[in-house]
Amino acid sequence: QQGRDKDLDVLVYDRDWRVGEAVSKHGRDKDLNHLVKSRDWRVRDAVAEYGRDKDLDILVNDVHWEVRARVAKHGRDNDLDILVNDPDEHVRREVAVRGRSEDLDVLVNDSDIYVRRRIAVQGRDKYLDVLVGDPDWQVRETVAGYGRDADLDILVHDRDSDVREAVALHGRDKDLHILVDDPDADVREAVADVRAIIA
C-alpha cells in the first residue's frame, strides 16, 4: 500500500495523458485535485467520471465537449441547467437522457435528431404529441413504436416506409387494410407477418 502511494505521488505529475488517466482511477483526493487542471481533456474526462462535486463544478464549463458530456451523465441539476443549452449536440444528448421535464421542454425541438430520438424513446405523451410530426423518419418511427392510436392514425400515411412498417407491426385492422396495398414490399411483408400471427 505504502509503495503504491509513493508511486502515485510521482506518477500524478507524468506528462503522458494515459498515465494521468490511470492515476485518476485510484480516486485519491490529492491526485484528483491536481489532475482536474490537466491540459489534456482525456485526463479531465477521467476526473469527471470519478464524479466529485468540486471537480464537476469546474468541469461543467470545460472547453472539450466530451468532458461536459461526462459531467451531464452525473445528472446534477445545476449542471443540467447549464448544459441543456450547450452548443455541442453530444452534450445535449446526455442531458436529454437524464429525462428532466424542464430540459425536455427545451430539447424537444432541438436541431439534432439524436437529441429528439432520446426524448422519443422515453415514451412520454407530452413529447410524443410533438414528435409525431418530426421531420426525421427515425424519430417518427420511434413514436410509432409506442402504438398510440392517435399517432398510428397519422403515421399510417407517412412518407417513409420504415415508419409505415412500424405502424403495421401493431396489427390494427384499419392500418393493415391500408398498408396491404403499400408500394413498399417491406411494409406489405410486415402486414403478412402480422396477419399470420393474429390469425
N, C-alpha and C. Protein backbone atom coordinates (compact mmCIF):
# COMPACT_ATOMS: atom_id res chain seq x y z
N GLN A 1 0.84 -1.20 0.00
CA GLN A 1 0.00 0.00 0.00
C GLN A 1 0.88 1.25 0.00
N GLN A 2 1.85 1.30 0.94
CA GLN A 2 2.69 2.48 1.05
C GLN A 2 3.53 2.69 -0.21
N GLY A 3 4.04 1.59 -0.80
CA GLY A 3 4.82 1.70 -2.02
C GLY A 3 3.98 2.19 -3.18
N ARG A 4 2.75 1.70 -3.26
CA ARG A 4 1.85 2.15 -4.32
C ARG A 4 1.59 3.65 -4.20
N ASP A 5 1.35 4.13 -2.99
CA ASP A 5 1.09 5.56 -2.80
C ASP A 5 2.29 6.40 -3.22
N LYS A 6 3.50 5.93 -2.92
CA LYS A 6 4.70 6.67 -3.32
C LYS A 6 4.81 6.72 -4.85
N ASP A 7 4.46 5.61 -5.48
CA ASP A 7 4.50 5.58 -6.95
C ASP A 7 3.47 6.58 -7.53
N LEU A 8 2.28 6.57 -6.96
CA LEU A 8 1.25 7.50 -7.45
C LEU A 8 1.65 8.95 -7.20
N ASP A 9 2.36 9.20 -6.09
CA ASP A 9 2.83 10.56 -5.80
C ASP A 9 3.75 11.07 -6.90
N VAL A 10 4.48 10.18 -7.55
CA VAL A 10 5.35 10.55 -8.66
C VAL A 10 4.56 10.58 -9.97
N LEU A 11 3.77 9.54 -10.20
CA LEU A 11 3.08 9.39 -11.49
C LEU A 11 2.02 10.46 -11.74
N VAL A 12 1.49 11.06 -10.70
CA VAL A 12 0.47 12.09 -10.89
C VAL A 12 1.01 13.28 -11.68
N TYR A 13 2.32 13.44 -11.69
CA TYR A 13 2.95 14.56 -12.42
C TYR A 13 3.46 14.16 -13.80
N ASP A 14 3.23 12.92 -14.18
CA ASP A 14 3.67 12.45 -15.50
C ASP A 14 2.94 13.24 -16.58
N ARG A 15 3.62 13.52 -17.67
CA ARG A 15 3.04 14.35 -18.74
C ARG A 15 2.18 13.57 -19.73
N ASP A 16 2.30 12.26 -19.73
CA ASP A 16 1.52 11.45 -20.67
C ASP A 16 0.07 11.33 -20.16
N TRP A 17 -0.88 11.60 -21.02
CA TRP A 17 -2.28 11.60 -20.61
C TRP A 17 -2.74 10.23 -20.12
N ARG A 18 -2.16 9.17 -20.70
CA ARG A 18 -2.58 7.82 -20.29
C ARG A 18 -2.21 7.54 -18.83
N VAL A 19 -1.10 8.07 -18.42
CA VAL A 19 -0.67 7.89 -17.03
C VAL A 19 -1.59 8.69 -16.10
N GLY A 20 -1.88 9.93 -16.48
CA GLY A 20 -2.79 10.74 -15.67
C GLY A 20 -4.16 10.10 -15.55
N GLU A 21 -4.64 9.55 -16.64
CA GLU A 21 -5.93 8.87 -16.62
C GLU A 21 -5.88 7.67 -15.67
N ALA A 22 -4.81 6.91 -15.74
CA ALA A 22 -4.68 5.73 -14.87
C ALA A 22 -4.58 6.13 -13.40
N VAL A 23 -3.86 7.17 -13.11
CA VAL A 23 -3.72 7.64 -11.73
C VAL A 23 -5.08 8.10 -11.20
N SER A 24 -5.87 8.76 -12.02
CA SER A 24 -7.17 9.27 -11.57
C SER A 24 -8.08 8.14 -11.10
N LYS A 25 -7.92 6.98 -11.69
CA LYS A 25 -8.80 5.86 -11.36
C LYS A 25 -8.61 5.34 -9.94
N HIS A 26 -7.53 5.74 -9.30
CA HIS A 26 -7.32 5.37 -7.90
C HIS A 26 -8.16 6.23 -6.96
N GLY A 27 -8.63 7.38 -7.47
CA GLY A 27 -9.56 8.21 -6.70
C GLY A 27 -8.98 8.91 -5.48
N ARG A 28 -7.68 9.05 -5.44
CA ARG A 28 -7.10 9.77 -4.30
C ARG A 28 -7.38 11.26 -4.46
N ASP A 29 -7.88 11.87 -3.42
CA ASP A 29 -8.25 13.29 -3.48
C ASP A 29 -7.11 14.18 -3.94
N LYS A 30 -5.91 13.96 -3.40
CA LYS A 30 -4.81 14.86 -3.77
C LYS A 30 -4.45 14.71 -5.25
N ASP A 31 -4.61 13.53 -5.81
CA ASP A 31 -4.35 13.34 -7.24
C ASP A 31 -5.43 14.03 -8.08
N LEU A 32 -6.66 13.83 -7.71
CA LEU A 32 -7.76 14.44 -8.46
C LEU A 32 -7.69 15.97 -8.39
N ASN A 33 -7.27 16.49 -7.24
CA ASN A 33 -7.12 17.94 -7.10
C ASN A 33 -6.12 18.49 -8.11
N HIS A 34 -5.08 17.71 -8.40
CA HIS A 34 -4.08 18.13 -9.38
C HIS A 34 -4.56 17.86 -10.82
N LEU A 35 -5.12 16.68 -11.05
CA LEU A 35 -5.46 16.27 -12.41
C LEU A 35 -6.65 17.02 -13.00
N VAL A 36 -7.51 17.58 -12.17
CA VAL A 36 -8.66 18.34 -12.69
C VAL A 36 -8.18 19.55 -13.51
N LYS A 37 -6.94 19.95 -13.29
CA LYS A 37 -6.36 21.10 -14.01
C LYS A 37 -5.48 20.67 -15.18
N SER A 38 -5.51 19.39 -15.52
CA SER A 38 -4.67 18.88 -16.60
C SER A 38 -4.94 19.61 -17.90
N ARG A 39 -3.91 19.72 -18.72
CA ARG A 39 -4.07 20.33 -20.05
C ARG A 39 -4.75 19.38 -21.02
N ASP A 40 -4.74 18.09 -20.72
CA ASP A 40 -5.30 17.10 -21.64
C ASP A 40 -6.75 16.79 -21.26
N TRP A 41 -7.64 16.90 -22.22
CA TRP A 41 -9.06 16.69 -21.95
C TRP A 41 -9.35 15.27 -21.49
N ARG A 42 -8.55 14.30 -21.96
CA ARG A 42 -8.80 12.91 -21.59
C ARG A 42 -8.57 12.68 -20.10
N VAL A 43 -7.62 13.39 -19.53
CA VAL A 43 -7.38 13.29 -18.09
C VAL A 43 -8.53 13.96 -17.33
N ARG A 44 -8.93 15.13 -17.80
CA ARG A 44 -10.05 15.83 -17.15
C ARG A 44 -11.33 15.00 -17.25
N ASP A 45 -11.51 14.31 -18.38
CA ASP A 45 -12.67 13.44 -18.55
C ASP A 45 -12.65 12.31 -17.51
N ALA A 46 -11.47 11.76 -17.27
CA ALA A 46 -11.34 10.69 -16.26
C ALA A 46 -11.66 11.23 -14.87
N VAL A 47 -11.25 12.45 -14.60
CA VAL A 47 -11.57 13.07 -13.31
C VAL A 47 -13.08 13.28 -13.21
N ALA A 48 -13.70 13.74 -14.28
CA ALA A 48 -15.15 13.95 -14.28
C ALA A 48 -15.89 12.64 -14.05
N GLU A 49 -15.37 11.57 -14.61
CA GLU A 49 -16.01 10.26 -14.44
C GLU A 49 -16.05 9.87 -12.96
N TYR A 50 -15.02 10.23 -12.23
CA TYR A 50 -14.99 9.91 -10.81
C TYR A 50 -16.13 10.62 -10.07
N GLY A 51 -16.49 11.84 -10.50
CA GLY A 51 -17.73 12.47 -10.05
C GLY A 51 -17.70 13.25 -8.75
N ARG A 52 -16.56 13.73 -8.34
CA ARG A 52 -16.55 14.57 -7.13
C ARG A 52 -17.22 15.90 -7.44
N ASP A 53 -18.05 16.36 -6.53
CA ASP A 53 -18.79 17.60 -6.76
C ASP A 53 -17.89 18.78 -7.09
N LYS A 54 -16.80 18.94 -6.35
CA LYS A 54 -15.95 20.11 -6.59
C LYS A 54 -15.29 20.05 -7.97
N ASP A 55 -15.04 18.85 -8.49
CA ASP A 55 -14.49 18.73 -9.84
C ASP A 55 -15.56 19.02 -10.89
N LEU A 56 -16.75 18.50 -10.67
CA LEU A 56 -17.83 18.75 -11.62
C LEU A 56 -18.17 20.23 -11.68
N ASP A 57 -18.06 20.93 -10.55
CA ASP A 57 -18.31 22.38 -10.54
C ASP A 57 -17.37 23.11 -11.49
N ILE A 58 -16.16 22.61 -11.63
CA ILE A 58 -15.17 23.21 -12.55
C ILE A 58 -15.41 22.71 -13.97
N LEU A 59 -15.60 21.42 -14.12
CA LEU A 59 -15.60 20.78 -15.44
C LEU A 59 -16.88 21.00 -16.23
N VAL A 60 -17.94 21.47 -15.60
CA VAL A 60 -19.18 21.75 -16.31
C VAL A 60 -18.96 22.80 -17.40
N ASN A 61 -17.93 23.61 -17.24
CA ASN A 61 -17.60 24.66 -18.21
C ASN A 61 -16.34 24.33 -19.01
N ASP A 62 -15.96 23.07 -19.05
CA ASP A 62 -14.75 22.66 -19.76
C ASP A 62 -14.84 23.01 -21.24
N VAL A 63 -13.68 23.23 -21.85
CA VAL A 63 -13.66 23.57 -23.27
C VAL A 63 -13.97 22.38 -24.17
N HIS A 64 -13.77 21.17 -23.67
CA HIS A 64 -13.97 19.99 -24.51
C HIS A 64 -15.35 19.38 -24.27
N TRP A 65 -16.05 19.08 -25.36
CA TRP A 65 -17.43 18.57 -25.25
C TRP A 65 -17.51 17.23 -24.52
N GLU A 66 -16.51 16.38 -24.69
CA GLU A 66 -16.59 15.06 -24.04
C GLU A 66 -16.54 15.18 -22.52
N VAL A 67 -15.80 16.15 -22.04
CA VAL A 67 -15.74 16.37 -20.59
C VAL A 67 -17.10 16.88 -20.11
N ARG A 68 -17.69 17.82 -20.83
CA ARG A 68 -19.01 18.35 -20.43
C ARG A 68 -20.08 17.25 -20.51
N ALA A 69 -19.99 16.39 -21.52
CA ALA A 69 -20.94 15.28 -21.63
C ALA A 69 -20.81 14.34 -20.45
N ARG A 70 -19.58 14.10 -20.01
CA ARG A 70 -19.35 13.24 -18.84
C ARG A 70 -19.96 13.88 -17.59
N VAL A 71 -19.84 15.19 -17.48
CA VAL A 71 -20.45 15.90 -16.35
C VAL A 71 -21.97 15.72 -16.38
N ALA A 72 -22.56 15.84 -17.56
CA ALA A 72 -24.01 15.69 -17.69
C ALA A 72 -24.47 14.31 -17.24
N LYS A 73 -23.67 13.29 -17.48
CA LYS A 73 -24.05 11.92 -17.10
C LYS A 73 -24.28 11.77 -15.60
N HIS A 74 -23.68 12.63 -14.83
CA HIS A 74 -23.89 12.57 -13.38
C HIS A 74 -25.26 13.11 -12.98
N GLY A 75 -25.90 13.89 -13.87
CA GLY A 75 -27.28 14.31 -13.65
C GLY A 75 -27.52 15.30 -12.54
N ARG A 76 -26.51 16.06 -12.18
CA ARG A 76 -26.71 17.08 -11.14
C ARG A 76 -27.54 18.22 -11.73
N ASP A 77 -28.56 18.64 -11.00
CA ASP A 77 -29.49 19.65 -11.51
C ASP A 77 -28.80 20.93 -11.97
N ASN A 78 -27.88 21.46 -11.18
CA ASN A 78 -27.21 22.71 -11.56
C ASN A 78 -26.44 22.57 -12.86
N ASP A 79 -25.81 21.42 -13.05
CA ASP A 79 -25.06 21.18 -14.29
C ASP A 79 -26.01 21.07 -15.49
N LEU A 80 -27.10 20.35 -15.31
CA LEU A 80 -28.06 20.19 -16.41
C LEU A 80 -28.69 21.53 -16.78
N ASP A 81 -28.89 22.40 -15.80
CA ASP A 81 -29.43 23.74 -16.08
C ASP A 81 -28.51 24.50 -17.04
N ILE A 82 -27.22 24.28 -16.93
CA ILE A 82 -26.24 24.92 -17.81
C ILE A 82 -26.13 24.19 -19.14
N LEU A 83 -26.03 22.87 -19.07
CA LEU A 83 -25.69 22.07 -20.26
C LEU A 83 -26.85 21.85 -21.22
N VAL A 84 -28.08 22.12 -20.80
CA VAL A 84 -29.23 21.97 -21.70
C VAL A 84 -29.10 22.87 -22.92
N ASN A 85 -28.37 23.95 -22.78
CA ASN A 85 -28.16 24.89 -23.89
C ASN A 85 -26.75 24.80 -24.47
N ASP A 86 -26.08 23.69 -24.24
CA ASP A 86 -24.71 23.53 -24.72
C ASP A 86 -24.66 23.60 -26.24
N PRO A 87 -23.61 24.20 -26.80
CA PRO A 87 -23.52 24.26 -28.26
C PRO A 87 -23.26 22.91 -28.92
N ASP A 88 -22.78 21.93 -28.17
CA ASP A 88 -22.46 20.63 -28.76
C ASP A 88 -23.62 19.65 -28.58
N GLU A 89 -24.02 19.02 -29.67
CA GLU A 89 -25.15 18.10 -29.64
C GLU A 89 -24.90 16.87 -28.78
N HIS A 90 -23.66 16.44 -28.66
CA HIS A 90 -23.35 15.27 -27.83
C HIS A 90 -23.67 15.54 -26.36
N VAL A 91 -23.40 16.74 -25.94
CA VAL A 91 -23.70 17.14 -24.56
C VAL A 91 -25.21 17.19 -24.36
N ARG A 92 -25.91 17.80 -25.31
CA ARG A 92 -27.38 17.90 -25.20
C ARG A 92 -28.02 16.51 -25.22
N ARG A 93 -27.44 15.57 -25.94
CA ARG A 93 -27.96 14.19 -25.95
C ARG A 93 -27.90 13.60 -24.55
N GLU A 94 -26.79 13.83 -23.85
CA GLU A 94 -26.67 13.32 -22.48
C GLU A 94 -27.67 14.00 -21.55
N VAL A 95 -27.91 15.27 -21.77
CA VAL A 95 -28.91 15.97 -20.96
C VAL A 95 -30.29 15.36 -21.21
N ALA A 96 -30.61 15.09 -22.46
CA ALA A 96 -31.92 14.51 -22.80
C ALA A 96 -32.12 13.16 -22.13
N VAL A 97 -31.09 12.35 -22.09
CA VAL A 97 -31.18 11.02 -21.48
C VAL A 97 -31.55 11.12 -20.01
N ARG A 98 -31.13 12.16 -19.35
CA ARG A 98 -31.45 12.32 -17.92
C ARG A 98 -32.95 12.49 -17.70
N GLY A 99 -33.68 12.99 -18.70
CA GLY A 99 -35.14 12.98 -18.68
C GLY A 99 -35.83 14.00 -17.80
N ARG A 100 -35.15 15.07 -17.41
CA ARG A 100 -35.85 16.10 -16.63
C ARG A 100 -36.82 16.84 -17.54
N SER A 101 -38.03 17.02 -17.09
CA SER A 101 -39.06 17.66 -17.92
C SER A 101 -38.64 19.05 -18.38
N GLU A 102 -38.03 19.82 -17.50
CA GLU A 102 -37.64 21.19 -17.89
C GLU A 102 -36.60 21.17 -19.01
N ASP A 103 -35.78 20.15 -19.08
CA ASP A 103 -34.82 20.04 -20.17
C ASP A 103 -35.49 19.55 -21.45
N LEU A 104 -36.37 18.57 -21.31
CA LEU A 104 -37.05 18.02 -22.48
C LEU A 104 -37.95 19.06 -23.14
N ASP A 105 -38.51 19.96 -22.34
CA ASP A 105 -39.33 21.04 -22.89
C ASP A 105 -38.50 21.89 -23.86
N VAL A 106 -37.23 22.07 -23.55
CA VAL A 106 -36.33 22.85 -24.41
C VAL A 106 -35.84 22.01 -25.59
N LEU A 107 -35.49 20.76 -25.31
CA LEU A 107 -34.81 19.93 -26.30
C LEU A 107 -35.73 19.23 -27.30
N VAL A 108 -37.03 19.22 -27.05
CA VAL A 108 -37.95 18.52 -27.95
C VAL A 108 -37.90 19.09 -29.37
N ASN A 109 -37.48 20.32 -29.49
CA ASN A 109 -37.35 20.93 -30.81
C ASN A 109 -35.89 21.15 -31.20
N ASP A 110 -35.00 20.38 -30.62
CA ASP A 110 -33.57 20.52 -30.88
C ASP A 110 -33.26 20.25 -32.35
N SER A 111 -32.20 20.86 -32.83
CA SER A 111 -31.81 20.67 -34.24
C SER A 111 -31.22 19.28 -34.49
N ASP A 112 -30.76 18.61 -33.46
CA ASP A 112 -30.11 17.32 -33.62
C ASP A 112 -31.13 16.18 -33.51
N ILE A 113 -31.19 15.32 -34.51
CA ILE A 113 -32.20 14.25 -34.50
C ILE A 113 -31.97 13.27 -33.35
N TYR A 114 -30.72 13.09 -32.95
CA TYR A 114 -30.45 12.11 -31.89
C TYR A 114 -30.85 12.64 -30.52
N VAL A 115 -30.86 13.95 -30.36
CA VAL A 115 -31.43 14.53 -29.14
C VAL A 115 -32.93 14.23 -29.10
N ARG A 116 -33.59 14.48 -30.23
CA ARG A 116 -35.05 14.26 -30.28
C ARG A 116 -35.38 12.78 -30.15
N ARG A 117 -34.57 11.90 -30.72
CA ARG A 117 -34.81 10.45 -30.57
C ARG A 117 -34.68 10.02 -29.11
N ARG A 118 -33.72 10.60 -28.41
CA ARG A 118 -33.56 10.26 -26.99
C ARG A 118 -34.77 10.69 -26.17
N ILE A 119 -35.44 11.71 -26.65
CA ILE A 119 -36.68 12.13 -25.99
C ILE A 119 -37.80 11.17 -26.37
N ALA A 120 -37.90 10.83 -27.64
CA ALA A 120 -38.97 9.94 -28.10
C ALA A 120 -38.92 8.59 -27.41
N VAL A 121 -37.73 8.03 -27.21
CA VAL A 121 -37.63 6.70 -26.62
C VAL A 121 -38.11 6.66 -25.17
N GLN A 122 -38.25 7.81 -24.57
CA GLN A 122 -38.75 7.86 -23.20
C GLN A 122 -40.27 7.65 -23.15
N GLY A 123 -40.94 7.83 -24.30
CA GLY A 123 -42.35 7.48 -24.41
C GLY A 123 -43.32 8.36 -23.63
N ARG A 124 -42.95 9.57 -23.37
CA ARG A 124 -43.85 10.46 -22.62
C ARG A 124 -44.82 11.13 -23.57
N ASP A 125 -46.09 11.03 -23.26
CA ASP A 125 -47.14 11.53 -24.15
C ASP A 125 -46.92 12.97 -24.58
N LYS A 126 -46.58 13.83 -23.65
CA LYS A 126 -46.40 15.26 -23.95
C LYS A 126 -45.43 15.46 -25.11
N TYR A 127 -44.35 14.69 -25.13
CA TYR A 127 -43.33 14.87 -26.16
C TYR A 127 -43.64 14.05 -27.42
N LEU A 128 -44.29 12.91 -27.26
CA LEU A 128 -44.71 12.15 -28.45
C LEU A 128 -45.71 12.96 -29.26
N ASP A 129 -46.55 13.75 -28.58
CA ASP A 129 -47.52 14.61 -29.29
C ASP A 129 -46.83 15.57 -30.23
N VAL A 130 -45.64 16.02 -29.87
CA VAL A 130 -44.86 16.93 -30.71
C VAL A 130 -44.08 16.14 -31.76
N LEU A 131 -43.45 15.06 -31.33
CA LEU A 131 -42.51 14.34 -32.19
C LEU A 131 -43.19 13.49 -33.27
N VAL A 132 -44.48 13.27 -33.17
CA VAL A 132 -45.19 12.54 -34.22
C VAL A 132 -45.08 13.27 -35.56
N GLY A 133 -44.87 14.56 -35.51
CA GLY A 133 -44.72 15.35 -36.73
C GLY A 133 -43.27 15.72 -37.02
N ASP A 134 -42.33 15.03 -36.41
CA ASP A 134 -40.91 15.35 -36.57
C ASP A 134 -40.48 15.21 -38.03
N PRO A 135 -39.57 16.06 -38.49
CA PRO A 135 -39.11 15.94 -39.88
C PRO A 135 -38.27 14.69 -40.15
N ASP A 136 -37.71 14.07 -39.12
CA ASP A 136 -36.85 12.91 -39.33
C ASP A 136 -37.64 11.62 -39.17
N TRP A 137 -37.49 10.71 -40.12
CA TRP A 137 -38.25 9.45 -40.10
C TRP A 137 -37.90 8.58 -38.90
N GLN A 138 -36.64 8.63 -38.45
CA GLN A 138 -36.25 7.79 -37.32
C GLN A 138 -36.98 8.19 -36.04
N VAL A 139 -37.20 9.47 -35.88
CA VAL A 139 -37.95 9.96 -34.72
C VAL A 139 -39.40 9.51 -34.83
N ARG A 140 -39.99 9.67 -36.03
CA ARG A 140 -41.40 9.25 -36.22
C ARG A 140 -41.55 7.74 -36.05
N GLU A 141 -40.56 6.97 -36.51
CA GLU A 141 -40.59 5.52 -36.34
C GLU A 141 -40.60 5.15 -34.86
N THR A 142 -39.81 5.87 -34.07
CA THR A 142 -39.77 5.64 -32.62
C THR A 142 -41.14 5.94 -32.01
N VAL A 143 -41.75 7.03 -32.44
CA VAL A 143 -43.09 7.39 -31.95
C VAL A 143 -44.08 6.28 -32.32
N ALA A 144 -44.03 5.80 -33.54
CA ALA A 144 -44.93 4.73 -33.98
C ALA A 144 -44.78 3.49 -33.11
N GLY A 145 -43.57 3.24 -32.65
CA GLY A 145 -43.31 2.07 -31.83
C GLY A 145 -44.13 2.02 -30.56
N TYR A 146 -44.58 3.15 -30.08
CA TYR A 146 -45.39 3.18 -28.86
C TYR A 146 -46.85 2.80 -29.11
N GLY A 147 -47.28 2.83 -30.37
CA GLY A 147 -48.60 2.32 -30.71
C GLY A 147 -49.78 3.12 -30.20
N ARG A 148 -49.57 4.39 -29.96
CA ARG A 148 -50.70 5.22 -29.53
C ARG A 148 -51.62 5.42 -30.73
N ASP A 149 -52.90 5.21 -30.53
CA ASP A 149 -53.85 5.26 -31.64
C ASP A 149 -53.78 6.56 -32.44
N ALA A 150 -53.72 7.69 -31.76
CA ALA A 150 -53.69 8.98 -32.47
C ALA A 150 -52.46 9.08 -33.36
N ASP A 151 -51.33 8.55 -32.89
CA ASP A 151 -50.10 8.59 -33.69
C ASP A 151 -50.20 7.65 -34.88
N LEU A 152 -50.71 6.45 -34.65
CA LEU A 152 -50.83 5.48 -35.75
C LEU A 152 -51.79 5.99 -36.83
N ASP A 153 -52.84 6.70 -36.42
CA ASP A 153 -53.78 7.28 -37.39
C ASP A 153 -53.07 8.23 -38.34
N ILE A 154 -52.07 8.93 -37.84
CA ILE A 154 -51.29 9.86 -38.67
C ILE A 154 -50.20 9.12 -39.44
N LEU A 155 -49.47 8.27 -38.75
CA LEU A 155 -48.26 7.69 -39.32
C LEU A 155 -48.53 6.56 -40.31
N VAL A 156 -49.74 6.04 -40.36
CA VAL A 156 -50.07 5.02 -41.35
C VAL A 156 -49.92 5.58 -42.77
N HIS A 157 -49.99 6.90 -42.88
CA HIS A 157 -49.85 7.58 -44.19
C HIS A 157 -48.49 8.24 -44.34
N ASP A 158 -47.54 7.90 -43.49
CA ASP A 158 -46.22 8.54 -43.51
C ASP A 158 -45.53 8.32 -44.85
N ARG A 159 -44.71 9.27 -45.22
CA ARG A 159 -43.99 9.19 -46.49
C ARG A 159 -42.85 8.17 -46.44
N ASP A 160 -42.42 7.78 -45.24
CA ASP A 160 -41.31 6.86 -45.12
C ASP A 160 -41.81 5.44 -44.85
N SER A 161 -41.29 4.49 -45.59
CA SER A 161 -41.76 3.10 -45.48
C SER A 161 -41.40 2.47 -44.13
N ASP A 162 -40.29 2.86 -43.53
CA ASP A 162 -39.92 2.30 -42.23
C ASP A 162 -40.94 2.69 -41.15
N VAL A 163 -41.45 3.89 -41.26
CA VAL A 163 -42.47 4.35 -40.32
C VAL A 163 -43.76 3.57 -40.54
N ARG A 164 -44.16 3.40 -41.79
CA ARG A 164 -45.39 2.65 -42.08
C ARG A 164 -45.25 1.20 -41.64
N GLU A 165 -44.06 0.64 -41.80
CA GLU A 165 -43.82 -0.73 -41.35
C GLU A 165 -43.99 -0.83 -39.82
N ALA A 166 -43.49 0.17 -39.10
CA ALA A 166 -43.65 0.19 -37.64
C ALA A 166 -45.13 0.27 -37.26
N VAL A 167 -45.90 0.98 -38.05
CA VAL A 167 -47.34 1.06 -37.82
C VAL A 167 -47.98 -0.32 -38.04
N ALA A 168 -47.60 -0.97 -39.12
CA ALA A 168 -48.17 -2.29 -39.44
C ALA A 168 -47.94 -3.29 -38.32
N LEU A 169 -46.82 -3.21 -37.68
CA LEU A 169 -46.46 -4.18 -36.64
C LEU A 169 -47.39 -4.14 -35.43
N HIS A 170 -48.17 -3.08 -35.32
CA HIS A 170 -49.14 -3.01 -34.21
C HIS A 170 -50.41 -3.80 -34.51
N GLY A 171 -50.61 -4.16 -35.77
CA GLY A 171 -51.69 -5.08 -36.14
C GLY A 171 -53.10 -4.52 -36.04
N ARG A 172 -53.25 -3.22 -36.10
CA ARG A 172 -54.62 -2.68 -36.09
C ARG A 172 -55.25 -2.95 -37.46
N ASP A 173 -56.44 -3.49 -37.46
CA ASP A 173 -57.11 -3.84 -38.72
C ASP A 173 -57.18 -2.68 -39.69
N LYS A 174 -57.58 -1.52 -39.20
CA LYS A 174 -57.74 -0.39 -40.13
C LYS A 174 -56.42 0.01 -40.79
N ASP A 175 -55.30 -0.17 -40.08
CA ASP A 175 -53.99 0.14 -40.67
C ASP A 175 -53.60 -0.94 -41.68
N LEU A 176 -53.84 -2.19 -41.31
CA LEU A 176 -53.47 -3.29 -42.20
C LEU A 176 -54.25 -3.23 -43.51
N HIS A 177 -55.51 -2.79 -43.45
CA HIS A 177 -56.32 -2.64 -44.67
C HIS A 177 -55.72 -1.59 -45.61
N ILE A 178 -55.14 -0.57 -45.03
CA ILE A 178 -54.50 0.47 -45.85
C ILE A 178 -53.15 -0.02 -46.37
N LEU A 179 -52.38 -0.65 -45.49
CA LEU A 179 -50.99 -0.99 -45.82
C LEU A 179 -50.84 -2.25 -46.65
N VAL A 180 -51.90 -3.02 -46.81
CA VAL A 180 -51.82 -4.23 -47.63
C VAL A 180 -51.48 -3.90 -49.09
N ASP A 181 -51.82 -2.70 -49.51
CA ASP A 181 -51.53 -2.25 -50.88
C ASP A 181 -50.36 -1.27 -50.93
N ASP A 182 -49.54 -1.25 -49.89
CA ASP A 182 -48.42 -0.30 -49.82
C ASP A 182 -47.46 -0.52 -50.98
N PRO A 183 -46.87 0.54 -51.51
CA PRO A 183 -45.92 0.37 -52.61
C PRO A 183 -44.60 -0.30 -52.18
N ASP A 184 -44.33 -0.33 -50.89
CA ASP A 184 -43.08 -0.89 -50.40
C ASP A 184 -43.27 -2.35 -49.97
N ALA A 185 -42.42 -3.23 -50.48
CA ALA A 185 -42.55 -4.67 -50.19
C ALA A 185 -42.32 -4.98 -48.71
N ASP A 186 -41.43 -4.24 -48.04
CA ASP A 186 -41.18 -4.49 -46.61
C ASP A 186 -42.43 -4.22 -45.78
N VAL A 187 -43.17 -3.20 -46.16
CA VAL A 187 -44.41 -2.88 -45.45
C VAL A 187 -45.43 -3.99 -45.69
N ARG A 188 -45.57 -4.41 -46.94
CA ARG A 188 -46.51 -5.49 -47.25
C ARG A 188 -46.12 -6.78 -46.55
N GLU A 189 -44.82 -7.05 -46.46
CA GLU A 189 -44.35 -8.23 -45.74
C GLU A 189 -44.73 -8.15 -44.25
N ALA A 190 -44.58 -6.96 -43.68
CA ALA A 190 -44.96 -6.78 -42.27
C ALA A 190 -46.44 -7.03 -42.07
N VAL A 191 -47.25 -6.60 -43.03
CA VAL A 191 -48.70 -6.87 -42.97
C VAL A 191 -48.94 -8.38 -42.98
N ALA A 192 -48.27 -9.08 -43.88
CA ALA A 192 -48.43 -10.53 -43.98
C ALA A 192 -47.98 -11.22 -42.69
N ASP A 193 -46.86 -10.78 -42.15
CA ASP A 193 -46.35 -11.37 -40.90
C ASP A 193 -47.32 -11.16 -39.76
N VAL A 194 -47.85 -9.95 -39.65
CA VAL A 194 -48.79 -9.65 -38.56
C VAL A 194 -50.07 -10.45 -38.74
N ARG A 195 -50.55 -10.56 -39.96
CA ARG A 195 -51.76 -11.34 -40.23
C ARG A 195 -51.55 -12.81 -39.84
N ALA A 196 -50.35 -13.33 -40.08
CA ALA A 196 -50.07 -14.72 -39.74
C ALA A 196 -50.07 -14.92 -38.21
N ILE A 197 -49.62 -13.93 -37.48
CA ILE A 197 -49.56 -14.01 -36.02
C ILE A 197 -50.95 -13.93 -35.41
N ILE A 198 -51.79 -13.00 -35.94
CA ILE A 198 -53.09 -12.79 -35.32
C ILE A 198 -54.18 -13.70 -35.89
N ALA A 199 -53.80 -14.52 -36.87
CA ALA A 199 -54.80 -15.40 -37.49
C ALA A 199 -55.19 -16.54 -36.57
